Protein backbone atom coordinates (compact mmCIF):
# COMPACT_ATOMS: atom_id res chain seq x y z
CA MET A 1 6.52 12.01 126.84
CA ASP A 2 9.38 10.68 124.72
CA ILE A 3 12.85 11.79 125.87
CA ASP A 4 16.02 11.09 123.90
CA ILE A 5 18.59 10.84 126.70
CA ARG A 6 21.56 10.72 124.31
CA LYS A 7 20.53 13.91 122.54
CA SER A 8 19.74 15.62 125.81
CA ILE A 9 23.13 14.79 127.38
CA ILE A 10 25.03 15.74 124.23
CA ASN A 11 23.12 19.02 123.92
CA ASN A 12 23.75 19.82 127.59
CA PHE A 13 27.50 19.29 127.32
CA GLU A 14 28.43 20.12 123.71
CA ASN A 15 29.62 23.62 124.65
CA SER A 16 31.22 22.61 127.95
CA ASN A 17 34.95 22.75 128.48
CA ILE A 18 37.01 19.82 129.74
CA GLU A 19 36.91 20.95 133.37
CA GLU A 20 33.11 21.22 133.32
CA ILE A 21 32.79 17.72 131.88
CA LYS A 22 35.28 16.36 134.41
CA LYS A 23 33.37 18.01 137.27
CA ALA A 24 30.07 16.56 136.04
CA ILE A 25 31.57 13.07 135.91
CA GLU A 26 33.25 13.34 139.30
CA ASP A 27 30.15 14.83 140.94
CA SER A 28 28.00 12.05 139.49
CA ILE A 29 30.32 9.39 140.86
CA TYR A 30 30.76 11.08 144.24
CA GLU A 31 27.04 11.62 144.81
CA LYS A 32 26.21 8.02 143.84
CA ASP A 33 22.94 9.30 142.40
CA GLU A 34 21.18 6.68 140.28
CA ILE A 35 19.70 9.43 138.10
CA THR A 36 23.14 10.30 136.73
CA LEU A 37 23.88 6.75 135.53
CA PRO A 38 22.26 7.23 132.09
CA GLY A 39 24.38 10.34 131.52
CA LEU A 40 27.53 8.48 132.46
CA GLY A 41 26.44 5.74 130.10
CA VAL A 42 26.17 8.27 127.26
CA PHE A 43 29.65 9.54 128.09
CA PHE A 44 30.95 5.96 128.05
CA GLU A 45 29.23 5.31 124.71
CA ILE A 46 30.94 8.39 123.24
CA LEU A 47 34.29 7.29 124.68
CA TRP A 48 33.92 3.76 123.34
CA SER A 49 32.72 4.88 119.90
CA ASN A 50 35.67 7.23 119.50
CA SER A 51 38.35 4.79 120.67
CA ASP A 52 40.56 2.60 118.53
CA GLU A 53 41.16 -1.04 119.44
CA THR A 54 44.18 -0.21 121.62
CA LYS A 55 42.17 2.27 123.67
CA LYS A 56 39.23 -0.15 123.91
CA ASP A 57 41.58 -2.83 125.22
CA TYR A 58 42.88 -0.36 127.84
CA ILE A 59 39.32 0.54 128.86
CA LEU A 60 38.36 -3.13 129.18
CA LYS A 61 41.46 -3.97 131.23
CA THR A 62 40.82 -0.98 133.50
CA LEU A 63 37.18 -2.00 133.98
CA LYS A 64 38.15 -5.61 134.69
CA LYS A 65 40.77 -4.48 137.20
CA GLY A 66 38.18 -2.36 138.99
CA LEU A 67 35.66 -5.16 139.24
């Protein structure tokens, strides 16, 4: 069975509103469920791909600060 996680996550959330996406992210983090990590990774990939260099720098600094 070949599953495309990116397509699956995007298809599951493409019609979601901002609050639904926020809730999914927060629930995934709160539950600390390893199964949700690929979905969060897809969200991060979308965020990164749609960010300019200034936003990427902010993301990197925020990640570094949290580590």
